[in-house]
Amino acid sequence: TYDRVKGEFVGRAVDVVAVKGRREGVLLYNLRCLRDGAPQTELALEQESARALDCYRERRWDDALAAWQRCQELLGGDDPATALMMARCREYRDAPPPADWNGVWVATTK
């Protein structure tokens, strides 16, 4: 859906999630505002979120944490989705996922 509206809306990449019973993930976005006249902070958030998610999926935990922290700052405080991704980065940094991990969060419940 986001691919269809990304020219009109600013959206930030949040996570790649597979629903229960699936392994293939879907990239989730948070639509933020209309692109036309969007505040610079929203455009920066869009770029930084994409960078953070890329670092996360590349197992670059400290880089991902730093990028997610910048997202929190751009959001002006505590954002639950960003806090969740930061917690995952810390967990994976301390106990890395298996070698075949593809960056997709697989839901175990509906």
PDB file of N, CA and C in Angstrom:
ATOM      1  N   THR A   1       0.830  -1.189   0.000  1.00  0.00           N
ATOM      2  CA  THR A   1       0.000   0.000   0.000  1.00  0.00           C
ATOM      3  C   THR A   1       0.870   1.246   0.000  1.00  0.00           C
ATOM      4  N   TYR A   2       1.931   1.241   0.818  1.00  0.00           N
ATOM      5  CA  TYR A   2       2.779   2.431   0.891  1.00  0.00           C
ATOM      6  C   TYR A   2       3.412   2.755  -0.454  1.00  0.00           C
ATOM      7  N   ASP A   3       3.790   1.746  -1.213  1.00  0.00           N
ATOM      8  CA  ASP A   3       4.374   1.996  -2.531  1.00  0.00           C
ATOM      9  C   ASP A   3       3.437   2.830  -3.401  1.00  0.00           C
ATOM     10  N   ARG A   4       2.146   2.647  -3.225  1.00  0.00           N
ATOM     11  CA  ARG A   4       1.168   3.390  -4.025  1.00  0.00           C
ATOM     12  C   ARG A   4       1.022   4.845  -3.602  1.00  0.00           C
ATOM     13  N   VAL A   5       1.321   5.163  -2.352  1.00  0.00           N
ATOM     14  CA  VAL A   5       1.089   6.522  -1.855  1.00  0.00           C
ATOM     15  C   VAL A   5       2.360   7.261  -1.449  1.00  0.00           C
ATOM     16  N   LYS A   6       3.526   6.643  -1.592  1.00  0.00           N
ATOM     17  CA  LYS A   6       4.748   7.274  -1.081  1.00  0.00           C
ATOM     18  C   LYS A   6       5.085   8.593  -1.768  1.00  0.00           C
ATOM     19  N   GLY A   7       4.563   8.812  -2.959  1.00  0.00           N
ATOM     20  CA  GLY A   7       4.770  10.099  -3.606  1.00  0.00           C
ATOM     21  C   GLY A   7       3.938  11.205  -2.990  1.00  0.00           C
ATOM     22  N   GLU A   8       2.884  10.830  -2.294  1.00  0.00           N
ATOM     23  CA  GLU A   8       1.968  11.803  -1.697  1.00  0.00           C
ATOM     24  C   GLU A   8       2.112  11.933  -0.181  1.00  0.00           C
ATOM     25  N   PHE A   9       2.623  10.876   0.466  1.00  0.00           N
ATOM     26  CA  PHE A   9       2.725  10.867   1.923  1.00  0.00           C
ATOM     27  C   PHE A   9       4.148  10.567   2.381  1.00  0.00           C
ATOM     28  N   VAL A  10       4.512  11.150   3.498  1.00  0.00           N
ATOM     29  CA  VAL A  10       5.748  10.799   4.178  1.00  0.00           C
ATOM     30  C   VAL A  10       5.421   9.624   5.091  1.00  0.00           C
ATOM     31  N   GLY A  11       6.234   8.599   5.023  1.00  0.00           N
ATOM     32  CA  GLY A  11       6.029   7.438   5.884  1.00  0.00           C
ATOM     33  C   GLY A  11       7.355   6.962   6.429  1.00  0.00           C
ATOM     34  N   ARG A  12       7.312   6.466   7.634  1.00  0.00           N
ATOM     35  CA  ARG A  12       8.559   5.936   8.187  1.00  0.00           C
ATOM     36  C   ARG A  12       8.482   4.428   8.291  1.00  0.00           C
ATOM     37  N   ALA A  13       9.548   3.768   7.850  1.00  0.00           N
ATOM     38  CA  ALA A  13       9.645   2.316   7.965  1.00  0.00           C
ATOM     39  C   ALA A  13       9.746   1.979   9.441  1.00  0.00           C
ATOM     40  N   VAL A  14       8.954   1.008   9.876  1.00  0.00           N
ATOM     41  CA  VAL A  14       8.916   0.669  11.295  1.00  0.00           C
ATOM     42  C   VAL A  14       9.492  -0.712  11.564  1.00  0.00           C
ATOM     43  N   ASP A  15       9.128  -1.707  10.763  1.00  0.00           N
ATOM     44  CA  ASP A  15       9.540  -3.083  11.042  1.00  0.00           C
ATOM     45  C   ASP A  15       9.202  -3.945   9.837  1.00  0.00           C
ATOM     46  N   VAL A  16       9.770  -5.136   9.817  1.00  0.00           N
ATOM     47  CA  VAL A  16       9.392  -6.156   8.836  1.00  0.00           C
ATOM     48  C   VAL A  16       8.823  -7.309   9.646  1.00  0.00           C
ATOM     49  N   VAL A  17       7.552  -7.626   9.407  1.00  0.00           N
ATOM     50  CA  VAL A  17       6.828  -8.584  10.238  1.00  0.00           C
ATOM     51  C   VAL A  17       6.181  -9.659   9.377  1.00  0.00           C
ATOM     52  N   ALA A  18       6.243 -10.895   9.865  1.00  0.00           N
ATOM     53  CA  ALA A  18       5.515 -12.009   9.255  1.00  0.00           C
ATOM     54  C   ALA A  18       4.419 -12.417  10.233  1.00  0.00           C
ATOM     55  N   VAL A  19       3.219 -12.562   9.725  1.00  0.00           N
ATOM     56  CA  VAL A  19       2.115 -12.981  10.585  1.00  0.00           C
ATOM     57  C   VAL A  19       2.305 -14.440  10.982  1.00  0.00           C
ATOM     58  N   LYS A  20       1.609 -14.844  12.036  1.00  0.00           N
ATOM     59  CA  LYS A  20       1.702 -16.207  12.535  1.00  0.00           C
ATOM     60  C   LYS A  20       1.452 -17.211  11.402  1.00  0.00           C
ATOM     61  N   GLY A  21       2.350 -18.184  11.304  1.00  0.00           N
ATOM     62  CA  GLY A  21       2.232 -19.215  10.290  1.00  0.00           C
ATOM     63  C   GLY A  21       2.957 -18.910   8.988  1.00  0.00           C
ATOM     64  N   ARG A  22       3.496 -17.697   8.862  1.00  0.00           N
ATOM     65  CA  ARG A  22       4.236 -17.297   7.655  1.00  0.00           C
ATOM     66  C   ARG A  22       5.675 -16.972   8.010  1.00  0.00           C
ATOM     67  N   ARG A  23       6.550 -17.110   7.041  1.00  0.00           N
ATOM     68  CA  ARG A  23       7.952 -16.745   7.251  1.00  0.00           C
ATOM     69  C   ARG A  23       8.304 -15.478   6.464  1.00  0.00           C
ATOM     70  N   GLU A  24       7.563 -15.232   5.384  1.00  0.00           N
ATOM     71  CA  GLU A  24       7.820 -14.057   4.565  1.00  0.00           C
ATOM     72  C   GLU A  24       7.286 -12.817   5.262  1.00  0.00           C
ATOM     73  N   GLY A  25       8.108 -11.790   5.330  1.00  0.00           N
ATOM     74  CA  GLY A  25       7.720 -10.584   6.038  1.00  0.00           C
ATOM     75  C   GLY A  25       7.178  -9.492   5.130  1.00  0.00           C
ATOM     76  N   VAL A  26       6.485  -8.575   5.757  1.00  0.00           N
ATOM     77  CA  VAL A  26       5.929  -7.403   5.088  1.00  0.00           C
ATOM     78  C   VAL A  26       6.511  -6.174   5.774  1.00  0.00           C
ATOM     79  N   LEU A  27       6.983  -5.238   4.990  1.00  0.00           N
ATOM     80  CA  LEU A  27       7.528  -4.002   5.537  1.00  0.00           C
ATOM     81  C   LEU A  27       6.376  -3.116   6.002  1.00  0.00           C
ATOM     82  N   LEU A  28       6.409  -2.743   7.275  1.00  0.00           N
ATOM     83  CA  LEU A  28       5.364  -1.907   7.855  1.00  0.00           C
ATOM     84  C   LEU A  28       5.809  -0.447   7.890  1.00  0.00           C
ATOM     85  N   TYR A  29       4.897   0.433   7.557  1.00  0.00           N
ATOM     86  CA  TYR A  29       5.148   1.866   7.573  1.00  0.00           C
ATOM     87  C   TYR A  29       4.157   2.562   8.481  1.00  0.00           C
ATOM     88  N   ASN A  30       4.596   3.671   9.021  1.00  0.00           N
ATOM     89  CA  ASN A  30       3.743   4.586   9.768  1.00  0.00           C
ATOM     90  C   ASN A  30       3.603   5.830   8.893  1.00  0.00           C
ATOM     91  N   LEU A  31       2.393   6.049   8.336  1.00  0.00           N
ATOM     92  CA  LEU A  31       2.174   7.259   7.541  1.00  0.00           C
ATOM     93  C   LEU A  31       2.193   8.457   8.473  1.00  0.00           C
ATOM     94  N   ARG A  32       2.936   9.480   8.080  1.00  0.00           N
ATOM     95  CA  ARG A  32       3.146  10.614   8.974  1.00  0.00           C
ATOM     96  C   ARG A  32       2.381  11.868   8.563  1.00  0.00           C
ATOM     97  N   CYS A  33       2.480  12.242   7.280  1.00  0.00           N
ATOM     98  CA  CYS A  33       1.839  13.475   6.829  1.00  0.00           C
ATOM     99  C   CYS A  33       1.888  13.530   5.307  1.00  0.00           C
ATOM    100  N   LEU A  34       1.208  14.512   4.746  1.00  0.00           N
ATOM    101  CA  LEU A  34       1.297  14.724   3.311  1.00  0.00           C
ATOM    102  C   LEU A  34       2.715  15.158   2.960  1.00  0.00           C
ATOM    103  N   ARG A  35       3.221  14.674   1.851  1.00  0.00           N
ATOM    104  CA  ARG A  35       4.583  15.005   1.442  1.00  0.00           C
ATOM    105  C   ARG A  35       4.693  16.481   1.052  1.00  0.00           C
ATOM    106  N   ASP A  36       3.682  16.990   0.360  1.00  0.00           N
ATOM    107  CA  ASP A  36       3.688  18.379  -0.066  1.00  0.00           C
ATOM    108  C   ASP A  36       3.655  19.294   1.158  1.00  0.00           C
ATOM    109  N   GLY A  37       4.705  20.040   1.373  1.00  0.00           N
ATOM    110  CA  GLY A  37       4.785  20.947   2.507  1.00  0.00           C
ATOM    111  C   GLY A  37       5.158  20.278   3.816  1.00  0.00           C
ATOM    112  N   ALA A  38       5.645  19.036   3.758  1.00  0.00           N
ATOM    113  CA  ALA A  38       6.002  18.311   4.986  1.00  0.00           C
ATOM    114  C   ALA A  38       7.131  19.032   5.725  1.00  0.00           C
ATOM    115  N   PRO A  39       7.035  19.097   7.045  1.00  0.00           N
ATOM    116  CA  PRO A  39       8.117  19.697   7.837  1.00  0.00           C
ATOM    117  C   PRO A  39       9.427  18.925   7.626  1.00  0.00           C
ATOM    118  N   GLN A  40      10.517  19.625   7.710  1.00  0.00           N
ATOM    119  CA  GLN A  40      11.836  19.012   7.534  1.00  0.00           C
ATOM    120  C   GLN A  40      12.061  17.872   8.526  1.00  0.00           C
ATOM    121  N   THR A  41      11.530  18.005   9.737  1.00  0.00           N
ATOM    122  CA  THR A  41      11.714  16.940  10.731  1.00  0.00           C
ATOM    123  C   THR A  41      11.061  15.638  10.274  1.00  0.00           C
ATOM    124  N   GLU A  42       9.935  15.727   9.591  1.00  0.00           N
ATOM    125  CA  GLU A  42       9.267  14.517   9.094  1.00  0.00           C
ATOM    126  C   GLU A  42      10.077  13.864   7.980  1.00  0.00           C
ATOM    127  N   LEU A  43      10.655  14.670   7.112  1.00  0.00           N
ATOM    128  CA  LEU A  43      11.490  14.125   6.037  1.00  0.00           C
ATOM    129  C   LEU A  43      12.752  13.488   6.612  1.00  0.00           C
ATOM    130  N   ALA A  44      13.314  14.126   7.638  1.00  0.00           N
ATOM    131  CA  ALA A  44      14.494  13.557   8.302  1.00  0.00           C
ATOM    132  C   ALA A  44      14.130  12.254   9.002  1.00  0.00           C
ATOM    133  N   LEU A  45      12.966  12.205   9.627  1.00  0.00           N
ATOM    134  CA  LEU A  45      12.506  10.988  10.299  1.00  0.00           C
ATOM    135  C   LEU A  45      12.333   9.851   9.295  1.00  0.00           C
ATOM    136  N   GLU A  46      11.779  10.162   8.146  1.00  0.00           N
ATOM    137  CA  GLU A  46      11.598   9.160   7.097  1.00  0.00           C
ATOM    138  C   GLU A  46      12.940   8.545   6.704  1.00  0.00           C
ATOM    139  N   GLN A  47      13.949   9.376   6.499  1.00  0.00           N
ATOM    140  CA  GLN A  47      15.269   8.888   6.105  1.00  0.00           C
ATOM    141  C   GLN A  47      15.957   8.124   7.235  1.00  0.00           C
ATOM    142  N   GLU A  48      15.874   8.659   8.429  1.00  0.00           N
ATOM    143  CA  GLU A  48      16.556   8.028   9.566  1.00  0.00           C
ATOM    144  C   GLU A  48      15.927   6.692   9.929  1.00  0.00           C
ATOM    145  N   SER A  49      14.608   6.589   9.816  1.00  0.00           N
ATOM    146  CA  SER A  49      13.932   5.320  10.095  1.00  0.00           C
ATOM    147  C   SER A  49      14.351   4.249   9.090  1.00  0.00           C
ATOM    148  N   ALA A  50      14.439   4.632   7.829  1.00  0.00           N
ATOM    149  CA  ALA A  50      14.882   3.678   6.802  1.00  0.00           C
ATOM    150  C   ALA A  50      16.311   3.228   7.090  1.00  0.00           C
ATOM    151  N   ARG A  51      17.159   4.170   7.483  1.00  0.00           N
ATOM    152  CA  ARG A  51      18.545   3.833   7.817  1.00  0.00           C
ATOM    153  C   ARG A  51      18.593   2.895   9.026  1.00  0.00           C
ATOM    154  N   ALA A  52      17.814   3.197  10.040  1.00  0.00           N
ATOM    155  CA  ALA A  52      17.800   2.370  11.248  1.00  0.00           C
ATOM    156  C   ALA A  52      17.370   0.942  10.925  1.00  0.00           C
ATOM    157  N   LEU A  53      16.332   0.807  10.129  1.00  0.00           N
ATOM    158  CA  LEU A  53      15.846  -0.529   9.788  1.00  0.00           C
ATOM    159  C   LEU A  53      16.860  -1.279   8.919  1.00  0.00           C
ATOM    160  N   ASP A  54      17.520  -0.568   8.010  1.00  0.00           N
ATOM    161  CA  ASP A  54      18.570  -1.201   7.209  1.00  0.00           C
ATOM    162  C   ASP A  54      19.692  -1.724   8.106  1.00  0.00           C
ATOM    163  N   CYS A  55      20.151  -0.904   9.034  1.00  0.00           N
ATOM    164  CA  CYS A  55      21.219  -1.326   9.957  1.00  0.00           C
ATOM    165  C   CYS A  55      20.780  -2.526  10.784  1.00  0.00           C
ATOM    166  N   TYR A  56      19.557  -2.494  11.254  1.00  0.00           N
ATOM    167  CA  TYR A  56      18.997  -3.600  12.042  1.00  0.00           C
ATOM    168  C   TYR A  56      19.032  -4.888  11.231  1.00  0.00           C
ATOM    169  N   ARG A  57      18.552  -4.837   9.999  1.00  0.00           N
ATOM    170  CA  ARG A  57      18.481  -6.038   9.156  1.00  0.00           C
ATOM    171  C   ARG A  57      19.866  -6.524   8.736  1.00  0.00           C
ATOM    172  N   GLU A  58      20.854  -5.617   8.784  1.00  0.00           N
ATOM    173  CA  GLU A  58      22.242  -5.979   8.467  1.00  0.00           C
ATOM    174  C   GLU A  58      23.023  -6.399   9.715  1.00  0.00           C
ATOM    175  N   ARG A  59      22.335  -6.491  10.852  1.00  0.00           N
ATOM    176  CA  ARG A  59      22.939  -6.902  12.122  1.00  0.00           C
ATOM    177  C   ARG A  59      23.971  -5.907  12.644  1.00  0.00           C
ATOM    178  N   ARG A  60      23.830  -4.690  12.280  1.00  0.00           N
ATOM    179  CA  ARG A  60      24.707  -3.622  12.762  1.00  0.00           C
ATOM    180  C   ARG A  60      24.000  -2.950  13.931  1.00  0.00           C
ATOM    181  N   TRP A  61      24.028  -3.652  15.065  1.00  0.00           N
ATOM    182  CA  TRP A  61      23.190  -3.292  16.208  1.00  0.00           C
ATOM    183  C   TRP A  61      23.480  -1.905  16.760  1.00  0.00           C
ATOM    184  N   ASP A  62      24.753  -1.562  16.932  1.00  0.00           N
ATOM    185  CA  ASP A  62      25.069  -0.244  17.497  1.00  0.00           C
ATOM    186  C   ASP A  62      24.682   0.878  16.539  1.00  0.00           C
ATOM    187  N   ASP A  63      24.901   0.685  15.237  1.00  0.00           N
ATOM    188  CA  ASP A  63      24.479   1.691  14.259  1.00  0.00           C
ATOM    189  C   ASP A  63      22.960   1.823  14.248  1.00  0.00           C
ATOM    190  N   ALA A  64      22.269   0.695  14.329  1.00  0.00           N
ATOM    191  CA  ALA A  64      20.803   0.724  14.371  1.00  0.00           C
ATOM    192  C   ALA A  64      20.315   1.453  15.626  1.00  0.00           C
ATOM    193  N   LEU A  65      20.923   1.146  16.764  1.00  0.00           N
ATOM    194  CA  LEU A  65      20.539   1.820  18.014  1.00  0.00           C
ATOM    195  C   LEU A  65      20.716   3.327  17.903  1.00  0.00           C
ATOM    196  N   ALA A  66      21.832   3.758  17.339  1.00  0.00           N
ATOM    197  CA  ALA A  66      22.082   5.190  17.195  1.00  0.00           C
ATOM    198  C   ALA A  66      21.038   5.831  16.279  1.00  0.00           C
ATOM    199  N   ALA A  67      20.695   5.150  15.196  1.00  0.00           N
ATOM    200  CA  ALA A  67      19.697   5.684  14.268  1.00  0.00           C
ATOM    201  C   ALA A  67      18.312   5.713  14.907  1.00  0.00           C
ATOM    202  N   TRP A  68      17.953   4.651  15.648  1.00  0.00           N
ATOM    203  CA  TRP A  68      16.650   4.656  16.333  1.00  0.00           C
ATOM    204  C   TRP A  68      16.612   5.758  17.384  1.00  0.00           C
ATOM    205  N   GLN A  69      17.736   6.007  18.043  1.00  0.00           N
ATOM    206  CA  GLN A  69      17.788   7.089  19.032  1.00  0.00           C
ATOM    207  C   GLN A  69      17.540   8.436  18.361  1.00  0.00           C
ATOM    208  N   ARG A  70      18.115   8.646  17.185  1.00  0.00           N
ATOM    209  CA  ARG A  70      17.860   9.888  16.451  1.00  0.00           C
ATOM    210  C   ARG A  70      16.378   9.990  16.080  1.00  0.00           C
ATOM    211  N   CYS A  71      15.771   8.859  15.767  1.00  0.00           N
ATOM    212  CA  CYS A  71      14.320   8.860  15.482  1.00  0.00           C
ATOM    213  C   CYS A  71      13.538   9.313  16.708  1.00  0.00           C
ATOM    214  N   GLN A  72      13.919   8.783  17.870  1.00  0.00           N
ATOM    215  CA  GLN A  72      13.232   9.193  19.112  1.00  0.00           C
ATOM    216  C   GLN A  72      13.345  10.704  19.299  1.00  0.00           C
ATOM    217  N   GLU A  73      14.534  11.238  19.039  1.00  0.00           N
ATOM    218  CA  GLU A  73      14.748  12.670  19.206  1.00  0.00           C
ATOM    219  C   GLU A  73      13.888  13.466  18.217  1.00  0.00           C
ATOM    220  N   LEU A  74      13.829  12.996  16.976  1.00  0.00           N
ATOM    221  CA  LEU A  74      13.005  13.679  15.968  1.00  0.00           C
ATOM    222  C   LEU A  74      11.524  13.619  16.324  1.00  0.00           C
ATOM    223  N   LEU A  75      11.129  12.550  16.988  1.00  0.00           N
ATOM    224  CA  LEU A  75       9.735  12.401  17.405  1.00  0.00           C
ATOM    225  C   LEU A  75       9.422  13.200  18.670  1.00  0.00           C
ATOM    226  N   GLY A  76      10.464  13.692  19.310  1.00  0.00           N
ATOM    227  CA  GLY A  76      10.260  14.532  20.489  1.00  0.00           C
ATOM    228  C   GLY A  76       9.951  13.781  21.759  1.00  0.00           C
ATOM    229  N   GLY A  77      10.334  12.520  21.821  1.00  0.00           N
ATOM    230  CA  GLY A  77      10.095  11.781  23.050  1.00  0.00           C
ATOM    231  C   GLY A  77       9.975  10.303  22.831  1.00  0.00           C
ATOM    232  N   ASP A  78       9.240   9.674  23.700  1.00  0.00           N
ATOM    233  CA  ASP A  78       9.131   8.221  23.699  1.00  0.00           C
ATOM    234  C   ASP A  78       8.107   7.754  22.677  1.00  0.00           C
ATOM    235  N   ASP A  79       8.558   6.955  21.731  1.00  0.00           N
ATOM    236  CA  ASP A  79       7.687   6.350  20.731  1.00  0.00           C
ATOM    237  C   ASP A  79       7.735   4.845  20.934  1.00  0.00           C
ATOM    238  N   PRO A  80       6.601   4.188  21.179  1.00  0.00           N
ATOM    239  CA  PRO A  80       6.606   2.756  21.478  1.00  0.00           C
ATOM    240  C   PRO A  80       7.234   1.886  20.383  1.00  0.00           C
ATOM    241  N   ALA A  81       6.980   2.170  19.125  1.00  0.00           N
ATOM    242  CA  ALA A  81       7.547   1.354  18.048  1.00  0.00           C
ATOM    243  C   ALA A  81       9.061   1.483  18.012  1.00  0.00           C
ATOM    244  N   THR A  82       9.549   2.700  18.187  1.00  0.00           N
ATOM    245  CA  THR A  82      10.991   2.921  18.194  1.00  0.00           C
ATOM    246  C   THR A  82      11.626   2.278  19.424  1.00  0.00           C
ATOM    247  N   ALA A  83      10.983   2.412  20.563  1.00  0.00           N
ATOM    248  CA  ALA A  83      11.495   1.794  21.790  1.00  0.00           C
ATOM    249  C   ALA A  83      11.575   0.273  21.645  1.00  0.00           C
ATOM    250  N   LEU A  84      10.587  -0.322  20.989  1.00  0.00           N
ATOM    251  CA  LEU A  84      10.591  -1.768  20.751  1.00  0.00           C
ATOM    252  C   LEU A  84      11.781  -2.167  19.895  1.00  0.00           C
ATOM    253  N   MET A  85      12.026  -1.422  18.822  1.00  0.00           N
ATOM    254  CA  MET A  85      13.151  -1.749  17.938  1.00  0.00           C
ATOM    255  C   MET A  85      14.483  -1.570  18.657  1.00  0.00           C
ATOM    256  N   MET A  86      14.581  -0.575  19.499  1.00  0.00           N
ATOM    257  CA  MET A  86      15.807  -0.371  20.268  1.00  0.00           C
ATOM    258  C   MET A  86      16.031  -1.531  21.233  1.00  0.00           C
ATOM    259  N   ALA A  87      14.970  -1.987  21.873  1.00  0.00           N
ATOM    260  CA  ALA A  87      15.087  -3.127  22.788  1.00  0.00           C
ATOM    261  C   ALA A  87      15.540  -4.377  22.033  1.00  0.00           C
ATOM    262  N   ARG A  88      14.992  -4.601  20.853  1.00  0.00           N
ATOM    263  CA  ARG A  88      15.407  -5.762  20.049  1.00  0.00           C
ATOM    264  C   ARG A  88      16.883  -5.675  19.681  1.00  0.00           C
ATOM    265  N   CYS A  89      17.331  -4.483  19.313  1.00  0.00           N
ATOM    266  CA  CYS A  89      18.746  -4.305  18.967  1.00  0.00           C
ATOM    267  C   CYS A  89      19.641  -4.671  20.144  1.00  0.00           C
ATOM    268  N   ARG A  90      19.262  -4.222  21.322  1.00  0.00           N
ATOM    269  CA  ARG A  90      20.061  -4.542  22.520  1.00  0.00           C
ATOM    270  C   ARG A  90      20.063  -6.050  22.784  1.00  0.00           C
ATOM    271  N   GLU A  91      18.904  -6.667  22.647  1.00  0.00           N
ATOM    272  CA  GLU A  91      18.809  -8.119  22.864  1.00  0.00           C
ATOM    273  C   GLU A  91      19.668  -8.877  21.855  1.00  0.00           C
ATOM    274  N   TYR A  92      19.556  -8.505  20.589  1.00  0.00           N
ATOM    275  CA  TYR A  92      20.322  -9.188  19.542  1.00  0.00           C
ATOM    276  C   TYR A  92      21.816  -8.905  19.645  1.00  0.00           C
ATOM    277  N   ARG A  93      22.176  -7.724  20.112  1.00  0.00           N
ATOM    278  CA  ARG A  93      23.591  -7.416  20.300  1.00  0.00           C
ATOM    279  C   ARG A  93      24.180  -8.345  21.365  1.00  0.00           C
ATOM    280  N   ASP A  94      23.406  -8.597  22.423  1.00  0.00           N
ATOM    281  CA  ASP A  94      23.869  -9.441  23.518  1.00  0.00           C
ATOM    282  C   ASP A  94      23.735 -10.937  23.217  1.00  0.00           C
ATOM    283  N   ALA A  95      22.725 -11.304  22.440  1.00  0.00           N
ATOM    284  CA  ALA A  95      22.482 -12.705  22.061  1.00  0.00           C
ATOM    285  C   ALA A  95      22.035 -12.712  20.594  1.00  0.00           C
ATOM    286  N   PRO A  96      23.009 -12.734  19.671  1.00  0.00           N
ATOM    287  CA  PRO A  96      22.670 -12.619  18.240  1.00  0.00           C
ATOM    288  C   PRO A  96      21.684 -13.689  17.771  1.00  0.00           C
ATOM    289  N   PRO A  97      20.862 -13.305  16.785  1.00  0.00           N
ATOM    290  CA  PRO A  97      19.929 -14.272  16.204  1.00  0.00           C
ATOM    291  C   PRO A  97      20.694 -15.329  15.420  1.00  0.00           C
ATOM    292  N   PRO A  98      20.038 -16.422  15.049  1.00  0.00           N
ATOM    293  CA  PRO A  98      20.720 -17.479  14.302  1.00  0.00           C
ATOM    294  C   PRO A  98      21.222 -16.984  12.945  1.00  0.00           C
ATOM    295  N   ALA A  99      22.147 -17.730  12.384  1.00  0.00           N
ATOM    296  CA  ALA A  99      22.776 -17.352  11.117  1.00  0.00           C
ATOM    297  C   ALA A  99      21.760 -17.190   9.985  1.00  0.00           C
ATOM    298  N   ASP A 100      20.662 -17.929  10.030  1.00  0.00           N
ATOM    299  CA  ASP A 100      19.678 -17.852   8.949  1.00  0.00           C
ATOM    300  C   ASP A 100      18.615 -16.766   9.185  1.00  0.00           C
ATOM    301  N   TRP A 101      18.785 -15.940  10.209  1.00  0.00           N
ATOM    302  CA  TRP A 101      17.854 -14.849  10.496  1.00  0.00           C
ATOM    303  C   TRP A 101      17.835 -13.882   9.321  1.00  0.00           C
ATOM    304  N   ASN A 102      16.649 -13.518   8.868  1.00  0.00           N
ATOM    305  CA  ASN A 102      16.541 -12.653   7.701  1.00  0.00           C
ATOM    306  C   ASN A 102      16.017 -11.253   8.017  1.00  0.00           C
ATOM    307  N   GLY A 103      15.994 -10.896   9.287  1.00  0.00           N
ATOM    308  CA  GLY A 103      15.555  -9.570   9.662  1.00  0.00           C
ATOM    309  C   GLY A 103      14.058  -9.433   9.838  1.00  0.00           C
ATOM    310  N   VAL A 104      13.344 -10.523   9.691  1.00  0.00           N
ATOM    311  CA  VAL A 104      11.890 -10.503   9.808  1.00  0.00           C
ATOM    312  C   VAL A 104      11.480 -10.919  11.218  1.00  0.00           C
ATOM    313  N   TRP A 105      10.608 -10.123  11.828  1.00  0.00           N
ATOM    314  CA  TRP A 105      10.044 -10.492  13.122  1.00  0.00           C
ATOM    315  C   TRP A 105       8.847 -11.411  12.843  1.00  0.00           C
ATOM    316  N   VAL A 106       8.918 -12.622  13.345  1.00  0.00           N
ATOM    317  CA  VAL A 106       7.859 -13.590  13.094  1.00  0.00           C
ATOM    318  C   VAL A 106       6.920 -13.606  14.303  1.00  0.00           C
ATOM    319  N   ALA A 107       5.680 -13.211  14.081  1.00  0.00           N
ATOM    320  CA  ALA A 107       4.684 -13.185  15.156  1.00  0.00           C
ATOM    321  C   ALA A 107       4.328 -14.634  15.522  1.00  0.00           C
ATOM    322  N   THR A 108       4.228 -14.883  16.802  1.00  0.00           N
ATOM    323  CA  THR A 108       3.869 -16.232  17.269  1.00  0.00           C
ATOM    324  C   THR A 108       2.424 -16.299  17.751  1.00  0.00           C
ATOM    325  N   THR A 109       1.770 -15.145  17.823  1.00  0.00           N
ATOM    326  CA  THR A 109       0.350 -15.089  18.190  1.00  0.00           C
ATOM    327  C   THR A 109      -0.356 -14.136  17.243  1.00  0.00           C
ATOM    328  N   LYS A 110      -1.680 -14.271  17.203  1.00  0.00           N
ATOM    329  CA  LYS A 110      -2.470 -13.364  16.355  1.00  0.00           C
ATOM    330  C   LYS A 110      -2.793 -12.105  17.100  1.00  0.00           C
TER     331      LYS A 110
END
